[in-house]
Every structure is written in C-alpha cells, then in structure tokens.
N, C-alpha and C. Protein backbone atom coordinates (compact mmCIF):
# COMPACT_ATOMS: atom_id res chain seq x y z
N MET A 1 16.70 0.11 -23.95
CA MET A 1 16.84 -1.02 -23.05
C MET A 1 15.47 -1.68 -22.87
N ALA A 2 15.41 -2.96 -23.03
CA ALA A 2 14.16 -3.71 -22.84
C ALA A 2 14.10 -4.21 -21.40
N PHE A 3 12.95 -4.03 -20.77
CA PHE A 3 12.77 -4.50 -19.42
C PHE A 3 12.09 -5.86 -19.42
N ASN A 4 12.46 -6.69 -18.46
CA ASN A 4 11.88 -8.01 -18.30
C ASN A 4 10.72 -7.89 -17.33
N ASN A 5 9.51 -7.80 -17.83
CA ASN A 5 8.34 -7.59 -16.98
C ASN A 5 7.42 -8.80 -16.88
N ASN A 6 7.91 -9.98 -17.18
CA ASN A 6 7.06 -11.17 -17.09
C ASN A 6 6.73 -11.53 -15.64
N ILE A 7 7.62 -11.19 -14.73
CA ILE A 7 7.40 -11.45 -13.31
C ILE A 7 7.26 -10.09 -12.64
N PRO A 8 6.10 -9.79 -12.07
CA PRO A 8 5.89 -8.48 -11.47
C PRO A 8 6.69 -8.30 -10.18
N SER A 9 6.94 -7.07 -9.85
CA SER A 9 7.64 -6.75 -8.61
C SER A 9 6.80 -7.20 -7.42
N PRO A 10 7.45 -7.77 -6.40
CA PRO A 10 6.72 -8.19 -5.20
C PRO A 10 6.51 -7.04 -4.20
N CYS A 11 6.84 -5.84 -4.59
CA CYS A 11 6.72 -4.68 -3.70
C CYS A 11 5.27 -4.53 -3.22
N ILE A 12 5.11 -4.35 -1.90
CA ILE A 12 3.79 -4.11 -1.34
C ILE A 12 3.72 -2.72 -0.69
N HIS A 13 4.68 -1.89 -1.01
CA HIS A 13 4.72 -0.50 -0.56
C HIS A 13 4.80 -0.36 0.96
N VAL A 14 5.54 -1.26 1.57
CA VAL A 14 5.89 -1.18 2.99
C VAL A 14 7.41 -1.10 3.02
N CYS A 15 7.92 0.04 2.64
CA CYS A 15 9.35 0.18 2.40
C CYS A 15 10.09 0.61 3.66
N THR A 16 10.24 -0.35 4.56
CA THR A 16 11.01 -0.16 5.78
C THR A 16 12.06 -1.25 5.79
N HIS A 17 13.30 -0.86 6.08
CA HIS A 17 14.41 -1.81 6.02
C HIS A 17 14.95 -2.13 7.41
N ASP A 18 15.39 -3.36 7.58
CA ASP A 18 16.01 -3.76 8.83
C ASP A 18 17.48 -3.38 8.83
N THR A 19 18.20 -3.81 9.85
CA THR A 19 19.62 -3.44 9.98
C THR A 19 20.51 -4.09 8.92
N GLU A 20 19.99 -5.09 8.24
CA GLU A 20 20.75 -5.75 7.17
C GLU A 20 20.31 -5.26 5.79
N ASP A 21 19.55 -4.15 5.75
CA ASP A 21 19.03 -3.56 4.50
C ASP A 21 18.13 -4.51 3.73
N ILE A 22 17.31 -5.24 4.46
CA ILE A 22 16.28 -6.09 3.87
C ILE A 22 14.95 -5.38 4.08
N CYS A 23 14.17 -5.24 3.02
CA CYS A 23 12.86 -4.60 3.11
C CYS A 23 11.92 -5.51 3.89
N LEU A 24 11.26 -4.96 4.89
CA LEU A 24 10.34 -5.75 5.71
C LEU A 24 9.03 -6.03 5.01
N GLY A 25 8.77 -5.34 3.90
CA GLY A 25 7.56 -5.59 3.13
C GLY A 25 7.72 -6.75 2.17
N CYS A 26 8.73 -6.68 1.31
CA CYS A 26 8.90 -7.71 0.28
C CYS A 26 10.06 -8.66 0.56
N MET A 27 10.86 -8.36 1.57
CA MET A 27 12.00 -9.19 1.98
C MET A 27 13.14 -9.24 0.95
N ARG A 28 13.19 -8.24 0.06
CA ARG A 28 14.32 -8.16 -0.86
C ARG A 28 15.38 -7.23 -0.28
N SER A 29 16.62 -7.47 -0.68
CA SER A 29 17.70 -6.57 -0.27
C SER A 29 17.62 -5.28 -1.09
N LEU A 30 18.27 -4.25 -0.60
CA LEU A 30 18.29 -3.00 -1.36
C LEU A 30 18.87 -3.21 -2.75
N GLU A 31 19.88 -4.04 -2.85
CA GLU A 31 20.50 -4.35 -4.15
C GLU A 31 19.51 -5.05 -5.07
N GLU A 32 18.76 -6.00 -4.54
CA GLU A 32 17.77 -6.71 -5.34
C GLU A 32 16.66 -5.78 -5.81
N ILE A 33 16.25 -4.86 -4.94
CA ILE A 33 15.22 -3.89 -5.32
C ILE A 33 15.74 -2.97 -6.42
N ARG A 34 16.93 -2.48 -6.22
CA ARG A 34 17.54 -1.53 -7.17
C ARG A 34 17.66 -2.12 -8.57
N HIS A 35 17.96 -3.40 -8.68
CA HIS A 35 18.23 -4.02 -9.98
C HIS A 35 17.05 -4.82 -10.54
N TRP A 36 15.91 -4.82 -9.84
CA TRP A 36 14.79 -5.67 -10.22
C TRP A 36 14.46 -5.59 -11.70
N TYR A 37 14.32 -4.40 -12.25
CA TYR A 37 13.84 -4.25 -13.62
C TYR A 37 14.91 -4.55 -14.67
N THR A 38 16.12 -4.83 -14.25
CA THR A 38 17.15 -5.23 -15.20
C THR A 38 17.41 -6.74 -15.15
N TYR A 39 16.85 -7.41 -14.15
CA TYR A 39 17.04 -8.85 -14.01
C TYR A 39 16.27 -9.62 -15.08
N THR A 40 16.81 -10.75 -15.45
CA THR A 40 16.08 -11.69 -16.31
C THR A 40 15.01 -12.36 -15.45
N ASP A 41 14.10 -13.06 -16.09
CA ASP A 41 13.07 -13.78 -15.33
C ASP A 41 13.69 -14.81 -14.39
N GLU A 42 14.75 -15.44 -14.81
CA GLU A 42 15.43 -16.44 -13.96
C GLU A 42 16.03 -15.76 -12.73
N GLU A 43 16.63 -14.59 -12.93
CA GLU A 43 17.21 -13.85 -11.80
C GLU A 43 16.10 -13.37 -10.86
N LYS A 44 15.00 -12.91 -11.42
CA LYS A 44 13.87 -12.48 -10.59
C LYS A 44 13.34 -13.65 -9.77
N GLN A 45 13.21 -14.80 -10.36
CA GLN A 45 12.73 -15.96 -9.63
C GLN A 45 13.67 -16.32 -8.50
N ALA A 46 14.97 -16.20 -8.73
CA ALA A 46 15.96 -16.47 -7.68
C ALA A 46 15.80 -15.47 -6.54
N VAL A 47 15.54 -14.21 -6.86
CA VAL A 47 15.30 -13.18 -5.84
C VAL A 47 14.05 -13.54 -5.04
N LEU A 48 12.99 -13.92 -5.72
CA LEU A 48 11.75 -14.30 -5.03
C LEU A 48 11.97 -15.50 -4.12
N ASP A 49 12.76 -16.46 -4.56
CA ASP A 49 13.07 -17.63 -3.74
C ASP A 49 13.83 -17.23 -2.48
N ARG A 50 14.83 -16.34 -2.65
CA ARG A 50 15.59 -15.87 -1.48
C ARG A 50 14.69 -15.08 -0.53
N ALA A 51 13.83 -14.25 -1.09
CA ALA A 51 12.92 -13.45 -0.26
C ALA A 51 11.98 -14.36 0.53
N MET A 52 11.49 -15.41 -0.10
CA MET A 52 10.61 -16.35 0.59
C MET A 52 11.36 -17.04 1.74
N GLN A 53 12.59 -17.39 1.49
CA GLN A 53 13.39 -18.03 2.54
C GLN A 53 13.64 -17.05 3.69
N ARG A 54 13.92 -15.80 3.36
CA ARG A 54 14.11 -14.78 4.41
C ARG A 54 12.84 -14.64 5.24
N ARG A 55 11.69 -14.62 4.59
CA ARG A 55 10.41 -14.48 5.30
C ARG A 55 10.20 -15.66 6.24
N LYS A 56 10.50 -16.87 5.77
CA LYS A 56 10.34 -18.06 6.61
C LYS A 56 11.24 -17.97 7.83
N GLU A 57 12.49 -17.56 7.62
CA GLU A 57 13.44 -17.43 8.73
C GLU A 57 12.98 -16.37 9.72
N LYS A 58 12.52 -15.25 9.22
CA LYS A 58 12.04 -14.17 10.08
C LYS A 58 10.84 -14.64 10.89
N ASP A 59 9.89 -15.30 10.24
CA ASP A 59 8.70 -15.80 10.92
C ASP A 59 9.08 -16.83 11.99
N LYS A 60 10.01 -17.70 11.65
CA LYS A 60 10.45 -18.73 12.60
C LYS A 60 11.10 -18.07 13.82
N ASN A 61 11.94 -17.08 13.58
CA ASN A 61 12.62 -16.40 14.67
C ASN A 61 11.63 -15.63 15.55
N GLN A 62 10.60 -15.07 14.97
CA GLN A 62 9.60 -14.35 15.76
C GLN A 62 8.81 -15.30 16.64
N GLN A 63 8.58 -16.53 16.17
CA GLN A 63 7.89 -17.51 17.01
C GLN A 63 8.70 -17.80 18.25
N TYR A 64 10.02 -17.93 18.11
CA TYR A 64 10.89 -18.23 19.24
C TYR A 64 11.04 -17.04 20.18
N ASP A 65 10.89 -15.82 19.67
CA ASP A 65 11.00 -14.63 20.51
C ASP A 65 9.93 -14.62 21.60
N HIS A 66 8.79 -15.23 21.35
CA HIS A 66 7.73 -15.25 22.34
C HIS A 66 8.09 -16.11 23.55
N TYR A 67 9.02 -17.02 23.39
CA TYR A 67 9.39 -17.94 24.46
C TYR A 67 10.60 -17.50 25.24
N VAL A 68 11.22 -16.42 24.82
CA VAL A 68 12.45 -15.96 25.48
C VAL A 68 12.12 -15.00 26.57
C-alpha cells in the first residue's frame, strides 16, 4: 500500500478529545485521524479545511464565554 505523504499530519501531540471526539490539538475528528495516511492529498486538504473551521468556531465561542 502506498501512503500519500505530500501533506504532513497536523498532529501537535496534544491528543485530548472533546465530547464530540474532536482532538483539541489538531481539531481533527477521531475518524479523520484514524484514516489520515490513507487519504489522498485532496482528502487531506479537505480535513485541514474542516479543522481550520472548527478552530475558528471554537475560538469564537471562547471569546463569547468571557461575556456570559
């Protein structure tokens, strides 16, 4: 089996998951982490895009938590 390694894993070794099984380090789901090395570069980029969106949402929600 050939692995698609053109896009490196975004793992930062902070492997703690929230209640929705999203890693708080890289913001990938457990499913995305599990399948990372079998994804094509296009699939990896889609995962990175979703992770970035999750991070933005989390950061935005934390800003509002200070006002509640």
